[in-house]
C-alpha cells in the first residue's frame, strides 16, 4: 500500500528501482510497492476521486491533495513493533501520528467545519502484509528466540487487536463529534 512514503526515509524498504514501476507512469519506479498502481490507487480511481493516491510525506504534496485523500502507509511496517524497527519503516503508531498531523494541516487549510465534513465522509483503510512473519520471525529469527510460531501468531493477533482499539478510541474521541 506504500505509495512512496519510504522514498524520503533512510531505509532498505524501498521500491524506487526496477523492476518496480514498469507498468506505472511511463515505466518509472517511483517507489510504489508494486509494478504499477497499489490497491489504494485502484480504489480512488474507481471512485472517480483521482487517478493516484499521493503519499503524505511527499515534500511536493500540494495542499489541494489533502482535500481528496493521502496515504500514510510505509512498506515494511507490521503489527509487531520490532518489524518496523528492523525494516526502518514507519510504525503503525507512527502512521496514526501522521494521520493526526494530516488533520491539523487540513484544519488550517479549510477550517474545522469543512475538515469535519471531509473526515465524516472519508474511507479509511488499514492494510498489512506478511512482514511480521516473513521478515521478523523467519528471516531475522529474532522472535523465534522468544516465541514458537503459534505463540508468535497469538502475539500478532493481540498486537493487531490493541492497535485497532487505539484506532477506535481515536475515532470515538476525534470523529464522533461530527
Protein backbone atom coordinates (compact mmCIF):
# COMPACT_ATOMS: atom_id res chain seq x y z
CA UNK A 1 0.00 0.00 0.00
CA UNK A 2 3.00 2.33 0.33
CA UNK A 3 2.69 4.95 -2.40
CA UNK A 4 6.22 6.32 -1.97
CA UNK A 5 6.35 7.39 1.70
CA UNK A 6 9.54 5.39 2.20
CA UNK A 7 11.29 7.33 -0.58
CA UNK A 8 12.02 10.14 1.85
CA UNK A 9 13.48 7.87 4.52
CA UNK A 10 16.83 6.19 5.01
CA UNK A 11 15.51 2.65 4.79
CA UNK A 12 16.22 -0.56 2.90
CA UNK A 13 12.44 -0.91 2.44
CA UNK A 14 12.16 0.95 -0.84
CA UNK A 15 10.80 0.22 -4.27
CA UNK A 16 12.17 3.12 -6.30
CA UNK A 17 14.25 0.91 -8.59
CA UNK A 18 13.46 -1.54 -11.41
CA UNK A 19 11.53 -3.75 -11.88
CA UNK A 20 9.11 -1.77 -9.71
CA UNK A 21 7.05 0.74 -11.66
CA UNK A 22 7.33 -0.91 -15.06
CA UNK A 23 3.54 -0.57 -15.52
CA UNK A 24 3.30 2.88 -13.93
CA UNK A 25 3.55 6.36 -15.48
CA UNK A 26 5.99 5.60 -18.25
CA UNK A 27 7.67 2.66 -16.55
CA UNK A 28 9.39 4.80 -13.93
CA UNK A 29 9.95 3.20 -10.49
CA UNK A 30 8.54 5.98 -8.34
CA UNK A 31 8.57 3.96 -5.13
CA UNK A 32 5.15 2.34 -5.00
CA UNK A 33 5.35 -1.18 -3.64
CA UNK A 34 4.09 -2.56 -6.95
CA UNK A 35 4.99 -2.63 -10.61
CA UNK A 36 2.09 -0.22 -11.18
CA UNK A 37 -0.77 1.01 -9.08
CA UNK A 38 -1.26 -0.12 -5.49
CA UNK A 39 -4.75 -1.05 -4.18
CA UNK A 40 -5.46 2.42 -2.82
CA UNK A 41 -4.81 3.85 -6.32
CA UNK A 42 -7.37 1.48 -7.82
CA UNK A 43 -9.87 2.47 -5.16
CA UNK A 44 -9.62 6.24 -5.62
CA UNK A 45 -9.57 5.82 -9.38
CA UNK A 46 -12.70 3.60 -9.40
CA UNK A 47 -14.49 6.07 -7.11
CA UNK A 48 -13.63 8.88 -9.53
CA UNK A 49 -11.74 10.84 -6.87
CA UNK A 50 -8.31 10.96 -8.52
CA UNK A 51 -6.04 8.71 -10.52
CA UNK A 52 -3.46 8.00 -7.79
CA UNK A 53 -3.45 8.37 -4.02
CA UNK A 54 -0.42 10.51 -3.16
CA UNK A 55 1.92 9.79 -0.30
CA UNK A 56 1.53 12.06 2.70
CA UNK A 57 5.28 12.54 3.12
CA UNK A 58 5.86 13.80 -0.43
CA UNK A 59 7.79 17.07 0.03
CA UNK A 60 5.98 18.41 -3.06
CA UNK A 61 2.49 17.43 -1.88
CA UNK A 62 0.06 20.15 -2.91
CA UNK A 63 -2.35 21.36 -0.21
CA UNK A 64 -5.29 20.61 -2.53
CA UNK A 65 -4.35 16.89 -2.40
CA UNK A 66 -5.22 16.88 1.30
CA UNK A 67 -8.86 17.50 0.40
CA UNK A 68 -9.25 14.23 -1.51
CA UNK A 69 -7.04 11.88 0.43
CA UNK A 70 -3.47 10.82 1.05
CA UNK A 71 -1.66 7.64 2.01
CA UNK A 72 0.27 7.16 5.26
CA UNK A 73 1.48 3.61 4.53
CA UNK A 74 5.09 2.60 4.99
CA UNK A 75 6.43 -0.51 3.32
CA UNK A 76 7.98 -2.84 5.84
CA UNK A 77 5.70 -1.93 8.76
CA UNK A 78 3.97 -4.56 10.85
CA UNK A 79 1.84 -5.17 13.89
CA UNK A 80 4.95 -6.29 15.75
CA UNK A 81 6.78 -3.04 16.66
CA UNK A 82 10.08 -4.85 16.07
CA UNK A 83 9.16 -5.32 12.39
CA UNK A 84 9.08 -1.57 11.73
CA UNK A 85 12.38 -1.14 13.56
CA UNK A 86 14.12 -3.90 11.62
CA UNK A 87 12.77 -2.66 8.29
CA UNK A 88 13.28 1.02 9.20
CA UNK A 89 9.65 1.70 8.38
CA UNK A 90 7.07 4.00 9.90
CA UNK A 91 5.41 2.00 12.66
CA UNK A 92 1.66 1.64 12.87
CA UNK A 93 1.55 4.16 15.73
CA UNK A 94 3.76 6.46 13.65
CA UNK A 95 1.33 6.20 10.75
CA UNK A 96 -1.51 7.09 13.12
CA UNK A 97 0.53 10.11 14.24
CA UNK A 98 0.89 11.13 10.59
CA UNK A 99 -2.88 10.99 10.22
CA UNK A 100 -3.23 13.28 13.25
CA UNK A 101 -0.81 15.71 11.59
CA UNK A 102 -2.88 15.47 8.43
CA UNK A 103 -5.98 16.55 10.35
CA UNK A 104 -4.13 19.56 11.76
CA UNK A 105 -2.98 20.56 8.25
CA UNK A 106 -6.46 20.05 6.85
CA UNK A 107 -8.00 22.28 9.55
CA UNK A 108 -5.50 25.03 8.73
CA UNK A 109 -6.36 24.68 5.06
CA UNK A 110 -10.17 24.57 5.13
CA UNK A 111 -11.27 25.16 8.72
CA UNK A 112 -12.81 22.90 11.31
CA UNK A 113 -16.30 22.55 9.81
CA UNK A 114 -15.06 21.53 6.36
CA UNK A 115 -12.47 19.21 7.94
CA UNK A 116 -15.22 17.56 9.96
CA UNK A 117 -17.27 17.10 6.79
CA UNK A 118 -14.32 15.62 4.88
CA UNK A 119 -13.44 13.19 7.67
CA UNK A 120 -17.04 12.16 8.28
CA UNK A 121 -17.32 11.27 4.59
CA UNK A 122 -13.95 9.56 4.28
CA UNK A 123 -12.96 5.97 3.90
CA UNK A 124 -10.02 4.70 5.99
CA UNK A 125 -8.04 1.53 5.33
CA UNK A 126 -5.52 -0.30 7.45
CA UNK A 127 -3.70 -2.96 5.46
CA UNK A 128 -0.72 -5.07 6.45
CA UNK A 129 1.08 -7.84 4.68
CA UNK A 130 3.33 -10.61 5.87
CA UNK A 131 6.33 -8.59 7.06
CA UNK A 132 5.94 -9.72 10.66
CA UNK A 133 6.06 -13.38 9.74
CA UNK A 134 8.44 -13.39 6.79
CA UNK A 135 10.95 -10.81 7.95
CA UNK A 136 10.80 -10.60 11.73
CA UNK A 137 10.04 -14.22 12.56
CA UNK A 138 11.67 -16.24 9.79
CA UNK A 139 14.41 -14.09 8.25
CA UNK A 140 15.78 -12.32 11.31
CA UNK A 141 14.94 -15.19 13.70
CA UNK A 142 14.70 -12.55 16.45
CA UNK A 143 11.21 -13.52 17.54
CA UNK A 144 11.97 -17.25 17.31
CA UNK A 145 14.11 -16.80 20.42
CA UNK A 146 11.03 -15.65 22.35
CA UNK A 147 8.15 -17.44 20.64
CA UNK A 148 7.26 -20.62 18.86
CA UNK A 149 5.13 -19.90 15.79
CA UNK A 150 1.68 -20.41 17.39
CA UNK A 151 2.64 -18.11 20.27
CA UNK A 152 4.03 -15.52 17.86
CA UNK A 153 0.78 -15.70 15.90
CA UNK A 154 -1.14 -15.02 19.11
CA UNK A 155 1.20 -12.10 19.82
CA UNK A 156 0.43 -10.65 16.38
CA UNK A 157 -3.31 -11.07 16.82
CA UNK A 158 -3.10 -9.32 20.20
CA UNK A 159 -0.96 -6.54 18.72
CA UNK A 160 -3.46 -6.05 15.89
CA UNK A 161 -6.36 -6.09 18.34
CA UNK A 162 -4.68 -3.49 20.55
CA UNK A 163 -3.88 -1.29 17.56
CA UNK A 164 -7.49 -1.40 16.38
CA UNK A 165 -8.62 -0.49 19.89
CA UNK A 166 -6.37 2.58 19.67
CA UNK A 167 -7.88 3.46 16.30
CA UNK A 168 -11.42 3.02 17.63
CA UNK A 169 -10.65 5.23 20.63
CA UNK A 170 -9.12 7.80 18.30
CA UNK A 171 -12.22 7.57 16.12
CA UNK A 172 -14.56 7.94 19.08
CA UNK A 173 -12.62 10.82 20.62
CA UNK A 174 -11.97 12.64 17.39
CA UNK A 175 -14.66 11.84 14.86
CA UNK A 176 -17.73 11.11 16.95
CA UNK A 177 -18.37 14.82 17.46
CA UNK A 178 -19.18 15.38 13.79
